[in-house]
Amino acid sequence: HRIFREIGDYFRKGDLLVVNQTRVIPARLNAVKVPTGGKIEIL
């Protein structure tokens, strides 16, 4: 049981860390039906 900042204690020189560089979009949209104006949500 450790703290995350200590994770390097378990890595060795020559290891490779692979990270996912995707970025989250503000994907939740408040919308309306046309032409009635009824509220809906689009994700």
PDB file of all heavy atoms in Angstrom:
ATOM      1  N   HIS A   1       0.858  -1.184   0.000  1.00  0.00           N
ATOM      2  CA  HIS A   1       0.000   0.000   0.000  1.00  0.00           C
ATOM      3  C   HIS A   1       0.896   1.236   0.000  1.00  0.00           C
ATOM      4  O   HIS A   1       1.663   1.460   0.941  1.00  0.00           O
ATOM      5  CB  HIS A   1      -0.910  -0.007   1.234  1.00  0.00           C
ATOM      6  CG  HIS A   1      -1.765  -1.230   1.338  1.00  0.00           C
ATOM      7  ND1 HIS A   1      -2.865  -1.456   0.534  1.00  0.00           N
ATOM      8  CD2 HIS A   1      -1.661  -2.325   2.140  1.00  0.00           C
ATOM      9  CE1 HIS A   1      -3.407  -2.614   0.843  1.00  0.00           C
ATOM     10  NE2 HIS A   1      -2.703  -3.168   1.816  1.00  0.00           N
ATOM     11  N   ARG A   2       0.788   2.031  -1.044  1.00  0.00           N
ATOM     12  CA  ARG A   2       1.658   3.190  -1.211  1.00  0.00           C
ATOM     13  C   ARG A   2       0.842   4.423  -1.589  1.00  0.00           C
ATOM     14  O   ARG A   2      -0.388   4.376  -1.686  1.00  0.00           O
ATOM     15  CB  ARG A   2       2.710   2.900  -2.292  1.00  0.00           C
ATOM     16  CG  ARG A   2       3.568   1.663  -2.056  1.00  0.00           C
ATOM     17  CD  ARG A   2       4.533   1.844  -0.900  1.00  0.00           C
ATOM     18  NE  ARG A   2       5.564   2.838  -1.189  1.00  0.00           N
ATOM     19  CZ  ARG A   2       6.737   2.568  -1.767  1.00  0.00           C
ATOM     20  NH1 ARG A   2       7.021   1.313  -2.141  1.00  0.00           N
ATOM     21  NH2 ARG A   2       7.620   3.523  -1.976  1.00  0.00           N
ATOM     22  N   ILE A   3       1.546   5.532  -1.842  1.00  0.00           N
ATOM     23  CA  ILE A   3       0.951   6.753  -2.376  1.00  0.00           C
ATOM     24  C   ILE A   3       1.346   6.839  -3.842  1.00  0.00           C
ATOM     25  O   ILE A   3       2.459   6.455  -4.221  1.00  0.00           O
ATOM     26  CB  ILE A   3       1.439   7.994  -1.610  1.00  0.00           C
ATOM     27  CG1 ILE A   3       1.095   7.860  -0.124  1.00  0.00           C
ATOM     28  CG2 ILE A   3       0.819   9.273  -2.182  1.00  0.00           C
ATOM     29  CD1 ILE A   3      -0.389   7.726   0.163  1.00  0.00           C
ATOM     30  N   PHE A   4       0.469   7.354  -4.692  1.00  0.00           N
ATOM     31  CA  PHE A   4       0.697   7.271  -6.128  1.00  0.00           C
ATOM     32  C   PHE A   4       2.006   7.923  -6.552  1.00  0.00           C
ATOM     33  O   PHE A   4       2.676   7.428  -7.468  1.00  0.00           O
ATOM     34  CB  PHE A   4      -0.471   7.898  -6.905  1.00  0.00           C
ATOM     35  CG  PHE A   4      -0.448   7.534  -8.367  1.00  0.00           C
ATOM     36  CD1 PHE A   4      -1.052   6.365  -8.810  1.00  0.00           C
ATOM     37  CD2 PHE A   4       0.199   8.339  -9.288  1.00  0.00           C
ATOM     38  CE1 PHE A   4      -1.003   5.999 -10.143  1.00  0.00           C
ATOM     39  CE2 PHE A   4       0.252   7.991 -10.629  1.00  0.00           C
ATOM     40  CZ  PHE A   4      -0.361   6.817 -11.060  1.00  0.00           C
ATOM     41  N   ARG A   5       2.400   9.011  -5.899  1.00  0.00           N
ATOM     42  CA  ARG A   5       3.623   9.682  -6.318  1.00  0.00           C
ATOM     43  C   ARG A   5       4.860   8.805  -6.151  1.00  0.00           C
ATOM     44  O   ARG A   5       5.937   9.107  -6.666  1.00  0.00           O
ATOM     45  CB  ARG A   5       3.802  10.996  -5.551  1.00  0.00           C
ATOM     46  CG  ARG A   5       4.054  10.856  -4.080  1.00  0.00           C
ATOM     47  CD  ARG A   5       4.378  12.213  -3.437  1.00  0.00           C
ATOM     48  NE  ARG A   5       3.249  13.116  -3.581  1.00  0.00           N
ATOM     49  CZ  ARG A   5       2.335  13.314  -2.622  1.00  0.00           C
ATOM     50  NH1 ARG A   5       2.417  12.646  -1.462  1.00  0.00           N
ATOM     51  NH2 ARG A   5       1.344  14.148  -2.798  1.00  0.00           N
ATOM     52  N   GLU A   6       4.716   7.672  -5.431  1.00  0.00           N
ATOM     53  CA  GLU A   6       5.828   6.740  -5.216  1.00  0.00           C
ATOM     54  C   GLU A   6       5.874   5.640  -6.273  1.00  0.00           C
ATOM     55  O   GLU A   6       6.688   4.721  -6.169  1.00  0.00           O
ATOM     56  CB  GLU A   6       5.704   6.113  -3.826  1.00  0.00           C
ATOM     57  CG  GLU A   6       5.699   7.126  -2.699  1.00  0.00           C
ATOM     58  CD  GLU A   6       5.286   6.538  -1.356  1.00  0.00           C
ATOM     59  OE1 GLU A   6       4.652   5.461  -1.346  1.00  0.00           O
ATOM     60  OE2 GLU A   6       5.585   7.160  -0.326  1.00  0.00           O
ATOM     61  N   ILE A   7       5.041   5.743  -7.294  1.00  0.00           N
ATOM     62  CA  ILE A   7       4.933   4.665  -8.281  1.00  0.00           C
ATOM     63  C   ILE A   7       6.251   4.406  -9.000  1.00  0.00           C
ATOM     64  O   ILE A   7       6.541   3.279  -9.420  1.00  0.00           O
ATOM     65  CB  ILE A   7       3.807   4.979  -9.298  1.00  0.00           C
ATOM     66  CG1 ILE A   7       3.432   3.715 -10.083  1.00  0.00           C
ATOM     67  CG2 ILE A   7       4.186   6.128 -10.231  1.00  0.00           C
ATOM     68  CD1 ILE A   7       2.175   3.876 -10.930  1.00  0.00           C
ATOM     69  N   GLY A   8       7.096   5.435  -9.105  1.00  0.00           N
ATOM     70  CA  GLY A   8       8.375   5.274  -9.776  1.00  0.00           C
ATOM     71  C   GLY A   8       9.296   4.281  -9.095  1.00  0.00           C
ATOM     72  O   GLY A   8      10.245   3.773  -9.724  1.00  0.00           O
ATOM     73  N   ASP A   9       9.047   3.972  -7.823  1.00  0.00           N
ATOM     74  CA  ASP A   9       9.857   2.976  -7.111  1.00  0.00           C
ATOM     75  C   ASP A   9       9.734   1.601  -7.757  1.00  0.00           C
ATOM     76  O   ASP A   9      10.591   0.728  -7.515  1.00  0.00           O
ATOM     77  CB  ASP A   9       9.422   2.884  -5.650  1.00  0.00           C
ATOM     78  CG  ASP A   9       9.736   4.150  -4.862  1.00  0.00           C
ATOM     79  OD1 ASP A   9      10.456   5.017  -5.390  1.00  0.00           O
ATOM     80  OD2 ASP A   9       9.247   4.269  -3.710  1.00  0.00           O
ATOM     81  N   TYR A  10       8.693   1.391  -8.541  1.00  0.00           N
ATOM     82  CA  TYR A  10       8.443   0.074  -9.133  1.00  0.00           C
ATOM     83  C   TYR A  10       8.804   0.026 -10.619  1.00  0.00           C
ATOM     84  O   TYR A  10       8.620  -1.003 -11.263  1.00  0.00           O
ATOM     85  CB  TYR A  10       6.975  -0.310  -8.929  1.00  0.00           C
ATOM     86  CG  TYR A  10       6.609  -0.404  -7.472  1.00  0.00           C
ATOM     87  CD1 TYR A  10       6.097   0.705  -6.800  1.00  0.00           C
ATOM     88  CD2 TYR A  10       6.829  -1.572  -6.759  1.00  0.00           C
ATOM     89  CE1 TYR A  10       5.790   0.641  -5.454  1.00  0.00           C
ATOM     90  CE2 TYR A  10       6.522  -1.651  -5.413  1.00  0.00           C
ATOM     91  CZ  TYR A  10       6.004  -0.542  -4.758  1.00  0.00           C
ATOM     92  OH  TYR A  10       5.724  -0.623  -3.414  1.00  0.00           O
ATOM     93  N   PHE A  11       9.284   1.142 -11.150  1.00  0.00           N
ATOM     94  CA  PHE A  11       9.687   1.181 -12.548  1.00  0.00           C
ATOM     95  C   PHE A  11      11.209   1.075 -12.639  1.00  0.00           C
ATOM     96  O   PHE A  11      11.934   1.500 -11.726  1.00  0.00           O
ATOM     97  CB  PHE A  11       9.227   2.479 -13.220  1.00  0.00           C
ATOM     98  CG  PHE A  11       7.727   2.635 -13.288  1.00  0.00           C
ATOM     99  CD1 PHE A  11       7.164   3.876 -13.559  1.00  0.00           C
ATOM    100  CD2 PHE A  11       6.872   1.564 -13.066  1.00  0.00           C
ATOM    101  CE1 PHE A  11       5.793   4.041 -13.622  1.00  0.00           C
ATOM    102  CE2 PHE A  11       5.501   1.710 -13.116  1.00  0.00           C
ATOM    103  CZ  PHE A  11       4.963   2.952 -13.394  1.00  0.00           C
ATOM    104  N   ARG A  12      11.676   0.550 -13.751  1.00  0.00           N
ATOM    105  CA  ARG A  12      13.104   0.405 -13.976  1.00  0.00           C
ATOM    106  C   ARG A  12      13.538   1.217 -15.195  1.00  0.00           C
ATOM    107  O   ARG A  12      12.727   1.470 -16.094  1.00  0.00           O
ATOM    108  CB  ARG A  12      13.459  -1.067 -14.198  1.00  0.00           C
ATOM    109  CG  ARG A  12      13.079  -1.995 -13.059  1.00  0.00           C
ATOM    110  CD  ARG A  12      13.697  -3.365 -13.249  1.00  0.00           C
ATOM    111  NE  ARG A  12      13.133  -4.079 -14.383  1.00  0.00           N
ATOM    112  CZ  ARG A  12      12.245  -5.061 -14.292  1.00  0.00           C
ATOM    113  NH1 ARG A  12      11.786  -5.421 -13.113  1.00  0.00           N
ATOM    114  NH2 ARG A  12      11.813  -5.674 -15.380  1.00  0.00           N
ATOM    115  N   LYS A  13      14.790   1.580 -15.218  1.00  0.00           N
ATOM    116  CA  LYS A  13      15.344   2.232 -16.397  1.00  0.00           C
ATOM    117  C   LYS A  13      15.157   1.315 -17.593  1.00  0.00           C
ATOM    118  O   LYS A  13      15.469   0.122 -17.529  1.00  0.00           O
ATOM    119  CB  LYS A  13      16.826   2.532 -16.183  1.00  0.00           C
ATOM    120  CG  LYS A  13      17.466   3.296 -17.339  1.00  0.00           C
ATOM    121  CD  LYS A  13      18.921   3.614 -17.032  1.00  0.00           C
ATOM    122  CE  LYS A  13      19.545   4.396 -18.188  1.00  0.00           C
ATOM    123  NZ  LYS A  13      20.978   4.730 -17.899  1.00  0.00           N
ATOM    124  N   GLY A  14      14.612   1.854 -18.681  1.00  0.00           N
ATOM    125  CA  GLY A  14      14.349   1.034 -19.868  1.00  0.00           C
ATOM    126  C   GLY A  14      12.910   0.592 -19.985  1.00  0.00           C
ATOM    127  O   GLY A  14      12.514   0.056 -21.031  1.00  0.00           O
ATOM    128  N   ASP A  15      12.103   0.789 -18.929  1.00  0.00           N
ATOM    129  CA  ASP A  15      10.669   0.517 -19.039  1.00  0.00           C
ATOM    130  C   ASP A  15      10.015   1.592 -19.897  1.00  0.00           C
ATOM    131  O   ASP A  15      10.554   2.692 -20.077  1.00  0.00           O
ATOM    132  CB  ASP A  15      10.015   0.505 -17.654  1.00  0.00           C
ATOM    133  CG  ASP A  15      10.333  -0.750 -16.857  1.00  0.00           C
ATOM    134  OD1 ASP A  15      10.790  -1.735 -17.445  1.00  0.00           O
ATOM    135  OD2 ASP A  15      10.120  -0.722 -15.618  1.00  0.00           O
ATOM    136  N   LEU A  16       8.834   1.287 -20.405  1.00  0.00           N
ATOM    137  CA  LEU A  16       8.090   2.230 -21.241  1.00  0.00           C
ATOM    138  C   LEU A  16       6.687   2.396 -20.689  1.00  0.00           C
ATOM    139  O   LEU A  16       5.945   1.424 -20.527  1.00  0.00           O
ATOM    140  CB  LEU A  16       8.008   1.723 -22.689  1.00  0.00           C
ATOM    141  CG  LEU A  16       7.277   2.645 -23.680  1.00  0.00           C
ATOM    142  CD1 LEU A  16       8.084   3.910 -23.944  1.00  0.00           C
ATOM    143  CD2 LEU A  16       6.986   1.915 -24.989  1.00  0.00           C
ATOM    144  N   LEU A  17       6.308   3.637 -20.399  1.00  0.00           N
ATOM    145  CA  LEU A  17       4.963   3.962 -19.939  1.00  0.00           C
ATOM    146  C   LEU A  17       4.143   4.408 -21.139  1.00  0.00           C
ATOM    147  O   LEU A  17       4.527   5.342 -21.854  1.00  0.00           O
ATOM    148  CB  LEU A  17       5.045   5.082 -18.898  1.00  0.00           C
ATOM    149  CG  LEU A  17       3.857   5.302 -17.982  1.00  0.00           C
ATOM    150  CD1 LEU A  17       3.674   4.125 -17.029  1.00  0.00           C
ATOM    151  CD2 LEU A  17       4.039   6.594 -17.190  1.00  0.00           C
ATOM    152  N   VAL A  18       3.011   3.750 -21.380  1.00  0.00           N
ATOM    153  CA  VAL A  18       2.150   4.089 -22.514  1.00  0.00           C
ATOM    154  C   VAL A  18       0.894   4.757 -21.982  1.00  0.00           C
ATOM    155  O   VAL A  18       0.161   4.167 -21.180  1.00  0.00           O
ATOM    156  CB  VAL A  18       1.787   2.837 -23.334  1.00  0.00           C
ATOM    157  CG1 VAL A  18       0.902   3.216 -24.528  1.00  0.00           C
ATOM    158  CG2 VAL A  18       3.042   2.131 -23.829  1.00  0.00           C
ATOM    159  N   VAL A  19       0.640   5.993 -22.426  1.00  0.00           N
ATOM    160  CA  VAL A  19      -0.493   6.771 -21.920  1.00  0.00           C
ATOM    161  C   VAL A  19      -1.445   7.123 -23.062  1.00  0.00           C
ATOM    162  O   VAL A  19      -1.027   7.270 -24.216  1.00  0.00           O
ATOM    163  CB  VAL A  19      -0.020   8.062 -21.222  1.00  0.00           C
ATOM    164  CG1 VAL A  19       0.910   7.738 -20.072  1.00  0.00           C
ATOM    165  CG2 VAL A  19       0.663   9.022 -22.202  1.00  0.00           C
ATOM    166  N   ASN A  20      -2.712   7.254 -22.716  1.00  0.00           N
ATOM    167  CA  ASN A  20      -3.745   7.627 -23.684  1.00  0.00           C
ATOM    168  C   ASN A  20      -3.950   9.143 -23.622  1.00  0.00           C
ATOM    169  O   ASN A  20      -4.432   9.675 -22.624  1.00  0.00           O
ATOM    170  CB  ASN A  20      -5.058   6.900 -23.361  1.00  0.00           C
ATOM    171  CG  ASN A  20      -6.176   7.232 -24.335  1.00  0.00           C
ATOM    172  OD1 ASN A  20      -5.969   7.895 -25.350  1.00  0.00           O
ATOM    173  ND2 ASN A  20      -7.380   6.764 -24.034  1.00  0.00           N
ATOM    174  N   GLN A  21      -3.608   9.838 -24.712  1.00  0.00           N
ATOM    175  CA  GLN A  21      -3.632  11.301 -24.703  1.00  0.00           C
ATOM    176  C   GLN A  21      -4.977  11.885 -25.150  1.00  0.00           C
ATOM    177  O   GLN A  21      -5.070  13.077 -25.452  1.00  0.00           O
ATOM    178  CB  GLN A  21      -2.517  11.842 -25.589  1.00  0.00           C
ATOM    179  CG  GLN A  21      -2.670  11.494 -27.060  1.00  0.00           C
ATOM    180  CD  GLN A  21      -1.535  12.035 -27.915  1.00  0.00           C
ATOM    181  OE1 GLN A  21      -0.619  12.678 -27.410  1.00  0.00           O
ATOM    182  NE2 GLN A  21      -1.601  11.782 -29.209  1.00  0.00           N
ATOM    183  N   THR A  22      -6.025  11.078 -25.170  1.00  0.00           N
ATOM    184  CA  THR A  22      -7.331  11.599 -25.560  1.00  0.00           C
ATOM    185  C   THR A  22      -7.793  12.693 -24.597  1.00  0.00           C
ATOM    186  O   THR A  22      -7.430  12.706 -23.421  1.00  0.00           O
ATOM    187  CB  THR A  22      -8.385  10.488 -25.615  1.00  0.00           C
ATOM    188  OG1 THR A  22      -9.595  10.992 -26.188  1.00  0.00           O
ATOM    189  CG2 THR A  22      -8.697   9.944 -24.227  1.00  0.00           C
ATOM    190  N   ARG A  23      -8.593  13.615 -25.123  1.00  0.00           N
ATOM    191  CA  ARG A  23      -9.145  14.704 -24.326  1.00  0.00           C
ATOM    192  C   ARG A  23     -10.667  14.638 -24.372  1.00  0.00           C
ATOM    193  O   ARG A  23     -11.260  14.429 -25.430  1.00  0.00           O
ATOM    194  CB  ARG A  23      -8.661  16.058 -24.845  1.00  0.00           C
ATOM    195  CG  ARG A  23      -9.115  17.243 -24.008  1.00  0.00           C
ATOM    196  CD  ARG A  23      -8.442  18.545 -24.440  1.00  0.00           C
ATOM    197  NE  ARG A  23      -8.943  19.663 -23.650  1.00  0.00           N
ATOM    198  CZ  ARG A  23      -8.512  20.001 -22.449  1.00  0.00           C
ATOM    199  NH1 ARG A  23      -7.527  19.299 -21.904  1.00  0.00           N
ATOM    200  NH2 ARG A  23      -9.018  21.020 -21.787  1.00  0.00           N
ATOM    201  N   VAL A  24     -11.305  14.799 -23.202  1.00  0.00           N
ATOM    202  CA  VAL A  24     -12.763  14.695 -23.096  1.00  0.00           C
ATOM    203  C   VAL A  24     -13.406  15.953 -23.686  1.00  0.00           C
ATOM    204  O   VAL A  24     -12.976  17.081 -23.410  1.00  0.00           O
ATOM    205  CB  VAL A  24     -13.201  14.522 -21.635  1.00  0.00           C
ATOM    206  CG1 VAL A  24     -14.710  14.290 -21.553  1.00  0.00           C
ATOM    207  CG2 VAL A  24     -12.451  13.365 -20.983  1.00  0.00           C
ATOM    208  N   ILE A  25     -14.438  15.746 -24.485  1.00  0.00           N
ATOM    209  CA  ILE A  25     -15.196  16.872 -25.023  1.00  0.00           C
ATOM    210  C   ILE A  25     -16.356  17.205 -24.082  1.00  0.00           C
ATOM    211  O   ILE A  25     -16.843  16.325 -23.357  1.00  0.00           O
ATOM    212  CB  ILE A  25     -15.738  16.565 -26.434  1.00  0.00           C
ATOM    213  CG1 ILE A  25     -16.683  15.358 -26.401  1.00  0.00           C
ATOM    214  CG2 ILE A  25     -14.611  16.348 -27.422  1.00  0.00           C
ATOM    215  CD1 ILE A  25     -17.366  15.077 -27.732  1.00  0.00           C
ATOM    216  N   PRO A  26     -16.810  18.460 -24.054  1.00  0.00           N
ATOM    217  CA  PRO A  26     -18.015  18.801 -23.272  1.00  0.00           C
ATOM    218  C   PRO A  26     -19.244  18.269 -24.002  1.00  0.00           C
ATOM    219  O   PRO A  26     -19.961  18.997 -24.682  1.00  0.00           O
ATOM    220  CB  PRO A  26     -17.973  20.332 -23.229  1.00  0.00           C
ATOM    221  CG  PRO A  26     -17.198  20.732 -24.428  1.00  0.00           C
ATOM    222  CD  PRO A  26     -16.202  19.636 -24.691  1.00  0.00           C
ATOM    223  N   ALA A  27     -19.498  16.971 -23.834  1.00  0.00           N
ATOM    224  CA  ALA A  27     -20.391  16.235 -24.727  1.00  0.00           C
ATOM    225  C   ALA A  27     -21.866  16.302 -24.347  1.00  0.00           C
ATOM    226  O   ALA A  27     -22.717  15.865 -25.118  1.00  0.00           O
ATOM    227  CB  ALA A  27     -19.958  14.765 -24.785  1.00  0.00           C
ATOM    228  N   ARG A  28     -22.183  16.824 -23.156  1.00  0.00           N
ATOM    229  CA  ARG A  28     -23.576  16.856 -22.717  1.00  0.00           C
ATOM    230  C   ARG A  28     -24.222  18.165 -23.174  1.00  0.00           C
ATOM    231  O   ARG A  28     -23.807  19.251 -22.763  1.00  0.00           O
ATOM    232  CB  ARG A  28     -23.666  16.720 -21.203  1.00  0.00           C
ATOM    233  CG  ARG A  28     -25.075  16.414 -20.685  1.00  0.00           C
ATOM    234  CD  ARG A  28     -25.082  16.263 -19.178  1.00  0.00           C
ATOM    235  NE  ARG A  28     -24.182  15.226 -18.718  1.00  0.00           N
ATOM    236  CZ  ARG A  28     -24.468  13.929 -18.698  1.00  0.00           C
ATOM    237  NH1 ARG A  28     -25.647  13.512 -19.146  1.00  0.00           N
ATOM    238  NH2 ARG A  28     -23.592  13.041 -18.260  1.00  0.00           N
ATOM    239  N   LEU A  29     -25.250  18.053 -24.045  1.00  0.00           N
ATOM    240  CA  LEU A  29     -25.892  19.222 -24.635  1.00  0.00           C
ATOM    241  C   LEU A  29     -27.345  19.324 -24.195  1.00  0.00           C
ATOM    242  O   LEU A  29     -28.102  18.345 -24.305  1.00  0.00           O
ATOM    243  CB  LEU A  29     -25.839  19.137 -26.166  1.00  0.00           C
ATOM    244  CG  LEU A  29     -24.457  19.070 -26.815  1.00  0.00           C
ATOM    245  CD1 LEU A  29     -24.592  18.751 -28.296  1.00  0.00           C
ATOM    246  CD2 LEU A  29     -23.716  20.380 -26.611  1.00  0.00           C
ATOM    247  N   ASN A  30     -27.745  20.485 -23.710  1.00  0.00           N
ATOM    248  CA  ASN A  30     -29.146  20.764 -23.447  1.00  0.00           C
ATOM    249  C   ASN A  30     -29.786  21.211 -24.765  1.00  0.00           C
ATOM    250  O   ASN A  30     -29.312  22.156 -25.399  1.00  0.00           O
ATOM    251  CB  ASN A  30     -29.284  21.852 -22.388  1.00  0.00           C
ATOM    252  CG  ASN A  30     -28.795  21.385 -21.029  1.00  0.00           C
ATOM    253  OD1 ASN A  30     -29.119  20.281 -20.587  1.00  0.00           O
ATOM    254  ND2 ASN A  30     -27.999  22.201 -20.360  1.00  0.00           N
ATOM    255  N   ALA A  31     -30.834  20.515 -25.172  1.00  0.00           N
ATOM    256  CA  ALA A  31     -31.426  20.753 -26.492  1.00  0.00           C
ATOM    257  C   ALA A  31     -32.940  20.836 -26.372  1.00  0.00           C
ATOM    258  O   ALA A  31     -33.515  20.630 -25.297  1.00  0.00           O
ATOM    259  CB  ALA A  31     -31.021  19.641 -27.457  1.00  0.00           C
ATOM    260  N   VAL A  32     -33.569  21.133 -27.493  1.00  0.00           N
ATOM    261  CA  VAL A  32     -35.033  21.218 -27.554  1.00  0.00           C
ATOM    262  C   VAL A  32     -35.525  20.525 -28.812  1.00  0.00           C
ATOM    263  O   VAL A  32     -34.799  20.393 -29.808  1.00  0.00           O
ATOM    264  CB  VAL A  32     -35.523  22.683 -27.553  1.00  0.00           C
ATOM    265  CG1 VAL A  32     -35.170  23.371 -26.248  1.00  0.00           C
ATOM    266  CG2 VAL A  32     -34.944  23.455 -28.743  1.00  0.00           C
ATOM    267  N   LYS A  33     -36.764  20.052 -28.749  1.00  0.00           N
ATOM    268  CA  LYS A  33     -37.424  19.555 -29.951  1.00  0.00           C
ATOM    269  C   LYS A  33     -37.872  20.743 -30.794  1.00  0.00           C
ATOM    270  O   LYS A  33     -38.289  21.774 -30.267  1.00  0.00           O
ATOM    271  CB  LYS A  33     -38.635  18.692 -29.587  1.00  0.00           C
ATOM    272  CG  LYS A  33     -38.319  17.473 -28.748  1.00  0.00           C
ATOM    273  CD  LYS A  33     -39.607  16.746 -28.371  1.00  0.00           C
ATOM    274  CE  LYS A  33     -39.342  15.586 -27.422  1.00  0.00           C
ATOM    275  NZ  LYS A  33     -40.595  14.921 -26.997  1.00  0.00           N
ATOM    276  N   VAL A  34     -37.764  20.596 -32.093  1.00  0.00           N
ATOM    277  CA  VAL A  34     -38.212  21.645 -33.009  1.00  0.00           C
ATOM    278  C   VAL A  34     -39.421  21.114 -33.791  1.00  0.00           C
ATOM    279  O   VAL A  34     -39.347  20.014 -34.341  1.00  0.00           O
ATOM    280  CB  VAL A  34     -37.065  22.039 -33.974  1.00  0.00           C
ATOM    281  CG1 VAL A  34     -37.549  23.080 -34.983  1.00  0.00           C
ATOM    282  CG2 VAL A  34     -35.868  22.577 -33.187  1.00  0.00           C
ATOM    283  N   PRO A  35     -40.573  21.823 -33.792  1.00  0.00           N
ATOM    284  CA  PRO A  35     -40.751  23.209 -33.339  1.00  0.00           C
ATOM    285  C   PRO A  35     -41.367  23.344 -31.953  1.00  0.00           C
ATOM    286  O   PRO A  35     -41.643  24.458 -31.517  1.00  0.00           O
ATOM    287  CB  PRO A  35     -41.701  23.763 -34.387  1.00  0.00           C
ATOM    288  CG  PRO A  35     -42.599  22.600 -34.682  1.00  0.00           C
ATOM    289  CD  PRO A  35     -41.720  21.373 -34.604  1.00  0.00           C
ATOM    290  N   THR A  36     -41.634  22.238 -31.231  1.00  0.00           N
ATOM    291  CA  THR A  36     -42.427  22.323 -30.003  1.00  0.00           C
ATOM    292  C   THR A  36     -41.690  22.981 -28.844  1.00  0.00           C
ATOM    293  O   THR A  36     -42.314  23.516 -27.926  1.00  0.00           O
ATOM    294  CB  THR A  36     -42.872  20.917 -29.572  1.00  0.00           C
ATOM    295  OG1 THR A  36     -41.709  20.135 -29.261  1.00  0.00           O
ATOM    296  CG2 THR A  36     -43.677  20.232 -30.674  1.00  0.00           C
ATOM    297  N   GLY A  37     -40.372  22.895 -28.826  1.00  0.00           N
ATOM    298  CA  GLY A  37     -39.601  23.480 -27.737  1.00  0.00           C
ATOM    299  C   GLY A  37     -39.453  22.582 -26.534  1.00  0.00           C
ATOM    300  O   GLY A  37     -38.899  23.008 -25.507  1.00  0.00           O
ATOM    301  N   GLY A  38     -39.928  21.333 -26.598  1.00  0.00           N
ATOM    302  CA  GLY A  38     -39.774  20.407 -25.482  1.00  0.00           C
ATOM    303  C   GLY A  38     -38.308  20.134 -25.183  1.00  0.00           C
ATOM    304  O   GLY A  38     -37.519  19.902 -26.094  1.00  0.00           O
ATOM    305  N   LYS A  39     -37.951  20.142 -23.894  1.00  0.00           N
ATOM    306  CA  LYS A  39     -36.551  19.993 -23.512  1.00  0.00           C
ATOM    307  C   LYS A  39     -36.094  18.534 -23.616  1.00  0.00           C
ATOM    308  O   LYS A  39     -36.800  17.612 -23.205  1.00  0.00           O
ATOM    309  CB  LYS A  39     -36.338  20.507 -22.090  1.00  0.00           C
ATOM    310  CG  LYS A  39     -36.542  22.007 -21.963  1.00  0.00           C
ATOM    311  CD  LYS A  39     -36.248  22.488 -20.547  1.00  0.00           C
ATOM    312  CE  LYS A  39     -36.413  23.999 -20.439  1.00  0.00           C
ATOM    313  NZ  LYS A  39     -36.124  24.490 -19.068  1.00  0.00           N
ATOM    314  N   ILE A  40     -34.904  18.344 -24.157  1.00  0.00           N
ATOM    315  CA  ILE A  40     -34.283  17.021 -24.266  1.00  0.00           C
ATOM    316  C   ILE A  40     -32.800  17.176 -23.946  1.00  0.00           C
ATOM    317  O   ILE A  40     -32.295  18.281 -23.786  1.00  0.00           O
ATOM    318  CB  ILE A  40     -34.451  16.411 -25.680  1.00  0.00           C
ATOM    319  CG1 ILE A  40     -33.779  17.305 -26.729  1.00  0.00           C
ATOM    320  CG2 ILE A  40     -35.913  16.190 -26.007  1.00  0.00           C
ATOM    321  CD1 ILE A  40     -33.707  16.666 -28.104  1.00  0.00           C
ATOM    322  N   GLU A  41     -32.116  16.031 -23.861  1.00  0.00           N
ATOM    323  CA  GLU A  41     -30.674  16.047 -23.640  1.00  0.00           C
ATOM    324  C   GLU A  41     -30.006  15.190 -24.700  1.00  0.00           C
ATOM    325  O   GLU A  41     -30.507  14.116 -25.057  1.00  0.00           O
ATOM    326  CB  GLU A  41     -30.327  15.530 -22.250  1.00  0.00           C
ATOM    327  CG  GLU A  41     -28.839  15.583 -21.932  1.00  0.00           C
ATOM    328  CD  GLU A  41     -28.526  15.127 -20.521  1.00  0.00           C
ATOM    329  OE1 GLU A  41     -28.615  15.963 -19.600  1.00  0.00           O
ATOM    330  OE2 GLU A  41     -28.200  13.936 -20.346  1.00  0.00           O
ATOM    331  N   ILE A  42     -28.895  15.656 -25.204  1.00  0.00           N
ATOM    332  CA  ILE A  42     -28.098  14.913 -26.183  1.00  0.00           C
ATOM    333  C   ILE A  42     -26.708  14.712 -25.599  1.00  0.00           C
ATOM    334  O   ILE A  42     -26.060  15.675 -25.172  1.00  0.00           O
ATOM    335  CB  ILE A  42     -28.004  15.669 -27.523  1.00  0.00           C
ATOM    336  CG1 ILE A  42     -29.392  15.829 -28.149  1.00  0.00           C
ATOM    337  CG2 ILE A  42     -27.063  14.953 -28.482  1.00  0.00           C
ATOM    338  CD1 ILE A  42     -29.407  16.670 -29.418  1.00  0.00           C
ATOM    339  N   LEU A  43     -26.256  13.469 -25.574  1.00  0.00           N
ATOM    340  CA  LEU A  43     -24.919  13.153 -25.096  1.00  0.00           C
ATOM    341  C   LEU A  43     -24.114  12.611 -26.268  1.00  0.00           C
ATOM    342  O   LEU A  43     -24.355  11.498 -26.747  1.00  0.00           O
ATOM    343  CB  LEU A  43     -24.973  12.131 -23.964  1.00  0.00           C
ATOM    344  CG  LEU A  43     -23.628  11.768 -23.324  1.00  0.00           C
ATOM    345  CD1 LEU A  43     -22.980  12.996 -22.701  1.00  0.00           C
ATOM    346  CD2 LEU A  43     -23.816  10.679 -22.270  1.00  0.00           C
TER     347      LEU A  43
END
